[in-house]
């Protein structure tokens, strides 16, 4: 049973989340779409939690950093499931199943 958040585990989550952010930024709805503003709002939340996670990691607070990075990814998956971000058929990084 794992009872701690290691630096390696945290770094893995940061890497996966950073890759996911790059992908979803390429899959935004058209600017004239009604969904564009919603997608941008989701992206703001994602990036805010991601930046918060960086600050907590720098302070050595791995537990809160881990929580923040998971909140960021939760927003990513919610946006993907709602169709705000086009990630193609990538069901490895994202939750696409109905």
PDB file of N, CA and C in Angstrom:
ATOM      1  N   UNK A   1       0.838  -1.173   0.000  1.00  0.00           N
ATOM      2  CA  UNK A   1       0.000   0.000   0.000  1.00  0.00           C
ATOM      3  C   UNK A   1       0.891   1.246   0.000  1.00  0.00           C
ATOM      4  N   UNK A   2       0.612   2.162  -0.917  1.00  0.00           N
ATOM      5  CA  UNK A   2       1.383   3.404  -0.999  1.00  0.00           C
ATOM      6  C   UNK A   2       0.699   4.464  -0.148  1.00  0.00           C
ATOM      7  N   UNK A   3       1.469   5.066   0.744  1.00  0.00           N
ATOM      8  CA  UNK A   3       0.910   6.062   1.651  1.00  0.00           C
ATOM      9  C   UNK A   3       1.600   7.412   1.528  1.00  0.00           C
ATOM     10  N   UNK A   4       2.324   7.608   0.436  1.00  0.00           N
ATOM     11  CA  UNK A   4       3.004   8.886   0.259  1.00  0.00           C
ATOM     12  C   UNK A   4       3.026   9.268  -1.219  1.00  0.00           C
ATOM     13  N   UNK A   5       3.179  10.529  -1.444  1.00  0.00           N
ATOM     14  CA  UNK A   5       3.283  11.040  -2.812  1.00  0.00           C
ATOM     15  C   UNK A   5       4.754  11.337  -3.054  1.00  0.00           C
ATOM     16  N   UNK A   6       5.361  10.519  -3.874  1.00  0.00           N
ATOM     17  CA  UNK A   6       6.784  10.687  -4.151  1.00  0.00           C
ATOM     18  C   UNK A   6       7.001  11.782  -5.191  1.00  0.00           C
ATOM     19  N   UNK A   7       8.210  12.268  -5.238  1.00  0.00           N
ATOM     20  CA  UNK A   7       8.581  13.273  -6.236  1.00  0.00           C
ATOM     21  C   UNK A   7       8.410  12.710  -7.643  1.00  0.00           C
ATOM     22  N   UNK A   8       8.750  11.438  -7.827  1.00  0.00           N
ATOM     23  CA  UNK A   8       8.623  10.803  -9.137  1.00  0.00           C
ATOM     24  C   UNK A   8       7.160  10.699  -9.564  1.00  0.00           C
ATOM     25  N   UNK A   9       6.303  10.317  -8.651  1.00  0.00           N
ATOM     26  CA  UNK A   9       4.869  10.200  -8.952  1.00  0.00           C
ATOM     27  C   UNK A   9       4.297  11.566  -9.310  1.00  0.00           C
ATOM     28  N   UNK A  10       4.639  12.571  -8.528  1.00  0.00           N
ATOM     29  CA  UNK A  10       4.153  13.919  -8.786  1.00  0.00           C
ATOM     30  C   UNK A  10       4.650  14.426 -10.143  1.00  0.00           C
ATOM     31  N   UNK A  11       5.903  14.177 -10.441  1.00  0.00           N
ATOM     32  CA  UNK A  11       6.459  14.612 -11.730  1.00  0.00           C
ATOM     33  C   UNK A  11       5.744  13.930 -12.888  1.00  0.00           C
ATOM     34  N   UNK A  12       5.402  12.668 -12.741  1.00  0.00           N
ATOM     35  CA  UNK A  12       4.655  11.950 -13.771  1.00  0.00           C
ATOM     36  C   UNK A  12       3.304  12.611 -14.020  1.00  0.00           C
ATOM     37  N   UNK A  13       2.613  12.990 -12.972  1.00  0.00           N
ATOM     38  CA  UNK A  13       1.318  13.656 -13.113  1.00  0.00           C
ATOM     39  C   UNK A  13       1.464  15.033 -13.762  1.00  0.00           C
ATOM     40  N   UNK A  14       2.518  15.756 -13.399  1.00  0.00           N
ATOM     41  CA  UNK A  14       2.762  17.052 -14.034  1.00  0.00           C
ATOM     42  C   UNK A  14       3.012  16.890 -15.533  1.00  0.00           C
ATOM     43  N   UNK A  15       3.815  15.900 -15.890  1.00  0.00           N
ATOM     44  CA  UNK A  15       4.132  15.669 -17.298  1.00  0.00           C
ATOM     45  C   UNK A  15       2.872  15.312 -18.085  1.00  0.00           C
ATOM     46  N   UNK A  16       2.074  14.396 -17.551  1.00  0.00           N
ATOM     47  CA  UNK A  16       0.835  13.977 -18.237  1.00  0.00           C
ATOM     48  C   UNK A  16      -0.147  15.136 -18.386  1.00  0.00           C
ATOM     49  N   UNK A  17      -0.259  15.952 -17.350  1.00  0.00           N
ATOM     50  CA  UNK A  17      -1.187  17.078 -17.401  1.00  0.00           C
ATOM     51  C   UNK A  17      -0.711  18.138 -18.381  1.00  0.00           C
ATOM     52  N   UNK A  18       0.572  18.409 -18.386  1.00  0.00           N
ATOM     53  CA  UNK A  18       1.129  19.393 -19.329  1.00  0.00           C
ATOM     54  C   UNK A  18       0.909  18.939 -20.777  1.00  0.00           C
ATOM     55  N   UNK A  19       1.117  17.658 -21.051  1.00  0.00           N
ATOM     56  CA  UNK A  19       0.867  17.120 -22.392  1.00  0.00           C
ATOM     57  C   UNK A  19      -0.610  17.262 -22.766  1.00  0.00           C
ATOM     58  N   UNK A  20      -1.486  16.965 -21.821  1.00  0.00           N
ATOM     59  CA  UNK A  20      -2.927  17.056 -22.077  1.00  0.00           C
ATOM     60  C   UNK A  20      -3.342  18.498 -22.370  1.00  0.00           C
ATOM     61  N   UNK A  21      -2.774  19.450 -21.649  1.00  0.00           N
ATOM     62  CA  UNK A  21      -3.099  20.865 -21.876  1.00  0.00           C
ATOM     63  C   UNK A  21      -2.694  21.277 -23.289  1.00  0.00           C
ATOM     64  N   UNK A  22      -1.527  20.844 -23.726  1.00  0.00           N
ATOM     65  CA  UNK A  22      -1.087  21.168 -25.095  1.00  0.00           C
ATOM     66  C   UNK A  22      -2.063  20.607 -26.126  1.00  0.00           C
ATOM     67  N   UNK A  23      -2.542  19.412 -25.885  1.00  0.00           N
ATOM     68  CA  UNK A  23      -3.470  18.772 -26.831  1.00  0.00           C
ATOM     69  C   UNK A  23      -4.809  19.498 -26.863  1.00  0.00           C
ATOM     70  N   UNK A  24      -5.367  19.804 -25.692  1.00  0.00           N
ATOM     71  CA  UNK A  24      -6.690  20.434 -25.696  1.00  0.00           C
ATOM     72  C   UNK A  24      -6.643  21.851 -26.256  1.00  0.00           C
ATOM     73  N   UNK A  25      -5.523  22.533 -26.110  1.00  0.00           N
ATOM     74  CA  UNK A  25      -5.404  23.885 -26.669  1.00  0.00           C
ATOM     75  C   UNK A  25      -5.500  23.856 -28.194  1.00  0.00           C
ATOM     76  N   UNK A  26      -5.104  22.740 -28.792  1.00  0.00           N
ATOM     77  CA  UNK A  26      -5.194  22.592 -30.249  1.00  0.00           C
ATOM     78  C   UNK A  26      -6.609  22.237 -30.688  1.00  0.00           C
ATOM     79  N   UNK A  27      -7.452  21.808 -29.751  1.00  0.00           N
ATOM     80  CA  UNK A  27      -8.785  21.325 -30.087  1.00  0.00           C
ATOM     81  C   UNK A  27      -9.918  22.199 -29.579  1.00  0.00           C
ATOM     82  N   UNK A  28      -9.677  23.515 -29.496  1.00  0.00           N
ATOM     83  CA  UNK A  28     -10.726  24.427 -29.049  1.00  0.00           C
ATOM     84  C   UNK A  28     -11.795  24.580 -30.126  1.00  0.00           C
ATOM     85  N   UNK A  29     -13.024  24.869 -29.733  1.00  0.00           N
ATOM     86  CA  UNK A  29     -14.072  25.143 -30.723  1.00  0.00           C
ATOM     87  C   UNK A  29     -13.736  26.407 -31.509  1.00  0.00           C
ATOM     88  N   UNK A  30     -14.366  26.605 -32.639  1.00  0.00           N
ATOM     89  CA  UNK A  30     -14.146  27.845 -33.397  1.00  0.00           C
ATOM     90  C   UNK A  30     -14.491  29.069 -32.544  1.00  0.00           C
ATOM     91  N   UNK A  31     -13.762  30.171 -32.748  1.00  0.00           N
ATOM     92  CA  UNK A  31     -13.971  31.368 -31.931  1.00  0.00           C
ATOM     93  C   UNK A  31     -15.395  31.901 -32.008  1.00  0.00           C
ATOM     94  N   UNK A  32     -16.067  31.696 -33.088  1.00  0.00           N
ATOM     95  CA  UNK A  32     -17.434  32.203 -33.231  1.00  0.00           C
ATOM     96  C   UNK A  32     -18.473  31.259 -32.628  1.00  0.00           C
ATOM     97  N   UNK A  33     -18.030  30.105 -32.177  1.00  0.00           N
ATOM     98  CA  UNK A  33     -18.933  29.123 -31.571  1.00  0.00           C
ATOM     99  C   UNK A  33     -19.345  29.570 -30.169  1.00  0.00           C
ATOM    100  N   UNK A  34     -20.565  29.230 -29.788  1.00  0.00           N
ATOM    101  CA  UNK A  34     -21.017  29.507 -28.427  1.00  0.00           C
ATOM    102  C   UNK A  34     -20.183  28.740 -27.395  1.00  0.00           C
ATOM    103  N   UNK A  35     -19.638  27.618 -27.808  1.00  0.00           N
ATOM    104  CA  UNK A  35     -18.848  26.804 -26.879  1.00  0.00           C
ATOM    105  C   UNK A  35     -17.442  27.347 -26.646  1.00  0.00           C
ATOM    106  N   UNK A  36     -17.003  28.252 -27.507  1.00  0.00           N
ATOM    107  CA  UNK A  36     -15.640  28.771 -27.388  1.00  0.00           C
ATOM    108  C   UNK A  36     -15.419  29.436 -26.022  1.00  0.00           C
ATOM    109  N   UNK A  37     -16.348  30.300 -25.606  1.00  0.00           N
ATOM    110  CA  UNK A  37     -16.191  30.991 -24.327  1.00  0.00           C
ATOM    111  C   UNK A  37     -16.208  30.015 -23.155  1.00  0.00           C
ATOM    112  N   UNK A  38     -17.027  29.007 -23.259  1.00  0.00           N
ATOM    113  CA  UNK A  38     -17.074  27.993 -22.200  1.00  0.00           C
ATOM    114  C   UNK A  38     -15.760  27.219 -22.158  1.00  0.00           C
ATOM    115  N   UNK A  39     -15.257  26.849 -23.330  1.00  0.00           N
ATOM    116  CA  UNK A  39     -13.977  26.135 -23.398  1.00  0.00           C
ATOM    117  C   UNK A  39     -12.853  26.994 -22.818  1.00  0.00           C
ATOM    118  N   UNK A  40     -12.861  28.283 -23.111  1.00  0.00           N
ATOM    119  CA  UNK A  40     -11.832  29.177 -22.574  1.00  0.00           C
ATOM    120  C   UNK A  40     -11.952  29.278 -21.051  1.00  0.00           C
ATOM    121  N   UNK A  41     -13.171  29.270 -20.535  1.00  0.00           N
ATOM    122  CA  UNK A  41     -13.370  29.295 -19.093  1.00  0.00           C
ATOM    123  C   UNK A  41     -12.824  28.018 -18.460  1.00  0.00           C
ATOM    124  N   UNK A  42     -13.114  26.877 -19.072  1.00  0.00           N
ATOM    125  CA  UNK A  42     -12.568  25.607 -18.582  1.00  0.00           C
ATOM    126  C   UNK A  42     -11.041  25.652 -18.615  1.00  0.00           C
ATOM    127  N   UNK A  43     -10.490  26.168 -19.699  1.00  0.00           N
ATOM    128  CA  UNK A  43      -9.034  26.241 -19.834  1.00  0.00           C
ATOM    129  C   UNK A  43      -8.430  27.134 -18.745  1.00  0.00           C
ATOM    130  N   UNK A  44      -9.109  28.215 -18.407  1.00  0.00           N
ATOM    131  CA  UNK A  44      -8.638  29.086 -17.330  1.00  0.00           C
ATOM    132  C   UNK A  44      -8.592  28.316 -16.006  1.00  0.00           C
ATOM    133  N   UNK A  45      -9.629  27.548 -15.723  1.00  0.00           N
ATOM    134  CA  UNK A  45      -9.651  26.749 -14.497  1.00  0.00           C
ATOM    135  C   UNK A  45      -8.530  25.709 -14.506  1.00  0.00           C
ATOM    136  N   UNK A  46      -8.352  25.054 -15.641  1.00  0.00           N
ATOM    137  CA  UNK A  46      -7.307  24.029 -15.775  1.00  0.00           C
ATOM    138  C   UNK A  46      -5.936  24.636 -15.517  1.00  0.00           C
ATOM    139  N   UNK A  47      -5.660  25.732 -16.193  1.00  0.00           N
ATOM    140  CA  UNK A  47      -4.344  26.359 -16.054  1.00  0.00           C
ATOM    141  C   UNK A  47      -4.143  26.935 -14.659  1.00  0.00           C
ATOM    142  N   UNK A  48      -5.205  27.421 -14.036  1.00  0.00           N
ATOM    143  CA  UNK A  48      -5.091  27.952 -12.674  1.00  0.00           C
ATOM    144  C   UNK A  48      -4.727  26.846 -11.686  1.00  0.00           C
ATOM    145  N   UNK A  49      -5.423  25.720 -11.762  1.00  0.00           N
ATOM    146  CA  UNK A  49      -5.089  24.595 -10.878  1.00  0.00           C
ATOM    147  C   UNK A  49      -3.685  24.057 -11.169  1.00  0.00           C
ATOM    148  N   UNK A  50      -3.304  24.044 -12.442  1.00  0.00           N
ATOM    149  CA  UNK A  50      -1.968  23.576 -12.816  1.00  0.00           C
ATOM    150  C   UNK A  50      -0.896  24.493 -12.206  1.00  0.00           C
ATOM    151  N   UNK A  51      -1.114  25.803 -12.306  1.00  0.00           N
ATOM    152  CA  UNK A  51      -0.151  26.751 -11.733  1.00  0.00           C
ATOM    153  C   UNK A  51      -0.130  26.650 -10.210  1.00  0.00           C
ATOM    154  N   UNK A  52      -1.303  26.480  -9.593  1.00  0.00           N
ATOM    155  CA  UNK A  52      -1.346  26.285  -8.140  1.00  0.00           C
ATOM    156  C   UNK A  52      -0.534  25.062  -7.741  1.00  0.00           C
ATOM    157  N   UNK A  53      -0.665  23.991  -8.505  1.00  0.00           N
ATOM    158  CA  UNK A  53       0.080  22.764  -8.206  1.00  0.00           C
ATOM    159  C   UNK A  53       1.587  23.016  -8.243  1.00  0.00           C
ATOM    160  N   UNK A  54       2.027  23.818  -9.201  1.00  0.00           N
ATOM    161  CA  UNK A  54       3.462  24.155  -9.282  1.00  0.00           C
ATOM    162  C   UNK A  54       3.926  24.884  -8.023  1.00  0.00           C
ATOM    163  N   UNK A  55       3.122  25.834  -7.561  1.00  0.00           N
ATOM    164  CA  UNK A  55       3.475  26.606  -6.360  1.00  0.00           C
ATOM    165  C   UNK A  55       3.558  25.687  -5.146  1.00  0.00           C
ATOM    166  N   UNK A  56       2.574  24.832  -4.980  1.00  0.00           N
ATOM    167  CA  UNK A  56       2.599  23.905  -3.841  1.00  0.00           C
ATOM    168  C   UNK A  56       3.788  22.953  -3.918  1.00  0.00           C
ATOM    169  N   UNK A  57       4.115  22.488  -5.121  1.00  0.00           N
ATOM    170  CA  UNK A  57       5.277  21.597  -5.276  1.00  0.00           C
ATOM    171  C   UNK A  57       6.549  22.326  -4.870  1.00  0.00           C
ATOM    172  N   UNK A  58       6.700  23.576  -5.310  1.00  0.00           N
ATOM    173  CA  UNK A  58       7.893  24.359  -4.968  1.00  0.00           C
ATOM    174  C   UNK A  58       8.021  24.559  -3.458  1.00  0.00           C
ATOM    175  N   UNK A  59       6.886  24.645  -2.765  1.00  0.00           N
ATOM    176  CA  UNK A  59       6.885  24.809  -1.311  1.00  0.00           C
ATOM    177  C   UNK A  59       7.118  23.486  -0.589  1.00  0.00           C
ATOM    178  N   UNK A  60       7.133  22.386  -1.354  1.00  0.00           N
ATOM    179  CA  UNK A  60       7.321  21.075  -0.740  1.00  0.00           C
ATOM    180  C   UNK A  60       6.036  20.447  -0.247  1.00  0.00           C
ATOM    181  N   UNK A  61       4.904  21.059  -0.556  1.00  0.00           N
ATOM    182  CA  UNK A  61       3.600  20.539  -0.146  1.00  0.00           C
ATOM    183  C   UNK A  61       3.074  19.622  -1.253  1.00  0.00           C
ATOM    184  N   UNK A  62       3.578  18.403  -1.275  1.00  0.00           N
ATOM    185  CA  UNK A  62       3.255  17.455  -2.349  1.00  0.00           C
ATOM    186  C   UNK A  62       1.800  17.003  -2.301  1.00  0.00           C
ATOM    187  N   UNK A  63       1.235  16.931  -1.119  1.00  0.00           N
ATOM    188  CA  UNK A  63      -0.158  16.484  -0.998  1.00  0.00           C
ATOM    189  C   UNK A  63      -1.094  17.481  -1.680  1.00  0.00           C
ATOM    190  N   UNK A  64      -0.929  18.762  -1.395  1.00  0.00           N
ATOM    191  CA  UNK A  64      -1.790  19.770  -1.998  1.00  0.00           C
ATOM    192  C   UNK A  64      -1.470  19.931  -3.480  1.00  0.00           C
ATOM    193  N   UNK A  65      -0.209  19.792  -3.850  1.00  0.00           N
ATOM    194  CA  UNK A  65       0.165  19.838  -5.269  1.00  0.00           C
ATOM    195  C   UNK A  65      -0.517  18.707  -6.023  1.00  0.00           C
ATOM    196  N   UNK A  66      -0.519  17.516  -5.430  1.00  0.00           N
ATOM    197  CA  UNK A  66      -1.152  16.353  -6.049  1.00  0.00           C
ATOM    198  C   UNK A  66      -2.658  16.568  -6.188  1.00  0.00           C
ATOM    199  N   UNK A  67      -3.268  17.144  -5.164  1.00  0.00           N
ATOM    200  CA  UNK A  67      -4.699  17.440  -5.227  1.00  0.00           C
ATOM    201  C   UNK A  67      -4.985  18.453  -6.333  1.00  0.00           C
ATOM    202  N   UNK A  68      -4.185  19.493  -6.427  1.00  0.00           N
ATOM    203  CA  UNK A  68      -4.396  20.534  -7.442  1.00  0.00           C
ATOM    204  C   UNK A  68      -4.215  19.998  -8.853  1.00  0.00           C
ATOM    205  N   UNK A  69      -3.215  19.170  -9.054  1.00  0.00           N
ATOM    206  CA  UNK A  69      -2.976  18.627 -10.395  1.00  0.00           C
ATOM    207  C   UNK A  69      -4.115  17.694 -10.799  1.00  0.00           C
ATOM    208  N   UNK A  70      -4.685  16.996  -9.829  1.00  0.00           N
ATOM    209  CA  UNK A  70      -5.825  16.134 -10.126  1.00  0.00           C
ATOM    210  C   UNK A  70      -7.093  16.937 -10.397  1.00  0.00           C
ATOM    211  N   UNK A  71      -7.272  18.049  -9.739  1.00  0.00           N
ATOM    212  CA  UNK A  71      -8.386  18.949 -10.064  1.00  0.00           C
ATOM    213  C   UNK A  71      -8.235  19.451 -11.496  1.00  0.00           C
ATOM    214  N   UNK A  72      -7.026  19.834 -11.876  1.00  0.00           N
ATOM    215  CA  UNK A  72      -6.781  20.301 -13.243  1.00  0.00           C
ATOM    216  C   UNK A  72      -7.187  19.223 -14.246  1.00  0.00           C
ATOM    217  N   UNK A  73      -6.775  17.986 -13.989  1.00  0.00           N
ATOM    218  CA  UNK A  73      -7.093  16.909 -14.935  1.00  0.00           C
ATOM    219  C   UNK A  73      -8.588  16.578 -14.915  1.00  0.00           C
ATOM    220  N   UNK A  74      -9.219  16.770 -13.786  1.00  0.00           N
ATOM    221  CA  UNK A  74     -10.671  16.585 -13.721  1.00  0.00           C
ATOM    222  C   UNK A  74     -11.390  17.570 -14.630  1.00  0.00           C
ATOM    223  N   UNK A  75     -10.946  18.815 -14.632  1.00  0.00           N
ATOM    224  CA  UNK A  75     -11.510  19.823 -15.536  1.00  0.00           C
ATOM    225  C   UNK A  75     -11.229  19.452 -16.988  1.00  0.00           C
ATOM    226  N   UNK A  76     -10.037  18.935 -17.249  1.00  0.00           N
ATOM    227  CA  UNK A  76      -9.702  18.507 -18.620  1.00  0.00           C
ATOM    228  C   UNK A  76     -10.675  17.429 -19.073  1.00  0.00           C
ATOM    229  N   UNK A  77     -10.810  16.383 -18.283  1.00  0.00           N
ATOM    230  CA  UNK A  77     -11.693  15.282 -18.673  1.00  0.00           C
ATOM    231  C   UNK A  77     -13.148  15.724 -18.782  1.00  0.00           C
ATOM    232  N   UNK A  78     -13.584  16.604 -17.890  1.00  0.00           N
ATOM    233  CA  UNK A  78     -14.958  17.104 -17.986  1.00  0.00           C
ATOM    234  C   UNK A  78     -15.154  17.861 -19.303  1.00  0.00           C
ATOM    235  N   UNK A  79     -14.200  18.700 -19.664  1.00  0.00           N
ATOM    236  CA  UNK A  79     -14.287  19.447 -20.921  1.00  0.00           C
ATOM    237  C   UNK A  79     -14.275  18.539 -22.135  1.00  0.00           C
ATOM    238  N   UNK A  80     -13.468  17.504 -22.079  1.00  0.00           N
ATOM    239  CA  UNK A  80     -13.418  16.540 -23.185  1.00  0.00           C
ATOM    240  C   UNK A  80     -14.748  15.807 -23.286  1.00  0.00           C
ATOM    241  N   UNK A  81     -15.274  15.342 -22.162  1.00  0.00           N
ATOM    242  CA  UNK A  81     -16.549  14.611 -22.169  1.00  0.00           C
ATOM    243  C   UNK A  81     -17.698  15.466 -22.683  1.00  0.00           C
ATOM    244  N   UNK A  82     -17.654  16.759 -22.383  1.00  0.00           N
ATOM    245  CA  UNK A  82     -18.706  17.672 -22.843  1.00  0.00           C
ATOM    246  C   UNK A  82     -18.539  18.078 -24.312  1.00  0.00           C
ATOM    247  N   UNK A  83     -17.387  17.757 -24.892  1.00  0.00           N
ATOM    248  CA  UNK A  83     -17.138  18.120 -26.279  1.00  0.00           C
ATOM    249  C   UNK A  83     -16.561  19.515 -26.453  1.00  0.00           C
ATOM    250  N   UNK A  84     -16.028  20.087 -25.372  1.00  0.00           N
ATOM    251  CA  UNK A  84     -15.430  21.418 -25.459  1.00  0.00           C
ATOM    252  C   UNK A  84     -14.055  21.376 -26.103  1.00  0.00           C
ATOM    253  N   UNK A  85     -13.385  20.245 -25.988  1.00  0.00           N
ATOM    254  CA  UNK A  85     -12.046  20.073 -26.537  1.00  0.00           C
ATOM    255  C   UNK A  85     -12.045  18.853 -27.453  1.00  0.00           C
ATOM    256  N   UNK A  86     -11.566  19.040 -28.659  1.00  0.00           N
ATOM    257  CA  UNK A  86     -11.475  17.933 -29.608  1.00  0.00           C
ATOM    258  C   UNK A  86     -10.121  17.257 -29.437  1.00  0.00           C
ATOM    259  N   UNK A  87     -10.144  16.038 -28.944  1.00  0.00           N
ATOM    260  CA  UNK A  87      -8.903  15.282 -28.738  1.00  0.00           C
ATOM    261  C   UNK A  87      -8.863  14.050 -29.645  1.00  0.00           C
ATOM    262  N   UNK A  88      -9.697  14.070 -30.671  1.00  0.00           N
ATOM    263  CA  UNK A  88      -9.754  12.926 -31.579  1.00  0.00           C
ATOM    264  C   UNK A  88     -10.264  11.697 -30.844  1.00  0.00           C
ATOM    265  N   UNK A  89      -9.639  10.568 -31.111  1.00  0.00           N
ATOM    266  CA  UNK A  89     -10.027   9.305 -30.482  1.00  0.00           C
ATOM    267  C   UNK A  89      -9.089   8.896 -29.356  1.00  0.00           C
ATOM    268  N   UNK A  90      -8.374   9.868 -28.782  1.00  0.00           N
ATOM    269  CA  UNK A  90      -7.381   9.583 -27.747  1.00  0.00           C
ATOM    270  C   UNK A  90      -8.070   9.223 -26.433  1.00  0.00           C
ATOM    271  N   UNK A  91      -8.387   7.940 -26.289  1.00  0.00           N
ATOM    272  CA  UNK A  91      -8.998   7.493 -25.044  1.00  0.00           C
ATOM    273  C   UNK A  91      -7.970   6.894 -24.078  1.00  0.00           C
ATOM    274  N   UNK A  92      -6.712   7.143 -24.360  1.00  0.00           N
ATOM    275  CA  UNK A  92      -5.639   6.756 -23.437  1.00  0.00           C
ATOM    276  C   UNK A  92      -5.433   7.895 -22.426  1.00  0.00           C
ATOM    277  N   UNK A  93      -5.309   9.122 -22.938  1.00  0.00           N
ATOM    278  CA  UNK A  93      -5.095  10.281 -22.060  1.00  0.00           C
ATOM    279  C   UNK A  93      -6.400  10.864 -21.511  1.00  0.00           C
ATOM    280  N   UNK A  94      -7.498  10.640 -22.241  1.00  0.00           N
ATOM    281  CA  UNK A  94      -8.746  11.316 -21.913  1.00  0.00           C
ATOM    282  C   UNK A  94      -9.898  10.339 -21.748  1.00  0.00           C
ATOM    283  N   UNK A  95     -10.913  10.744 -20.989  1.00  0.00           N
ATOM    284  CA  UNK A  95     -12.094   9.924 -20.776  1.00  0.00           C
ATOM    285  C   UNK A  95     -13.122  10.257 -21.851  1.00  0.00           C
ATOM    286  N   UNK A  96     -13.251   9.363 -22.818  1.00  0.00           N
ATOM    287  CA  UNK A  96     -14.147   9.596 -23.953  1.00  0.00           C
ATOM    288  C   UNK A  96     -15.378   8.707 -23.932  1.00  0.00           C
ATOM    289  N   UNK A  97     -15.344   7.619 -23.206  1.00  0.00           N
ATOM    290  CA  UNK A  97     -16.431   6.633 -23.258  1.00  0.00           C
ATOM    291  C   UNK A  97     -17.749   7.250 -22.803  1.00  0.00           C
ATOM    292  N   UNK A  98     -18.823   6.831 -23.495  1.00  0.00           N
ATOM    293  CA  UNK A  98     -20.162   7.293 -23.110  1.00  0.00           C
ATOM    294  C   UNK A  98     -20.711   6.405 -22.019  1.00  0.00           C
TER     295      UNK A  98
END
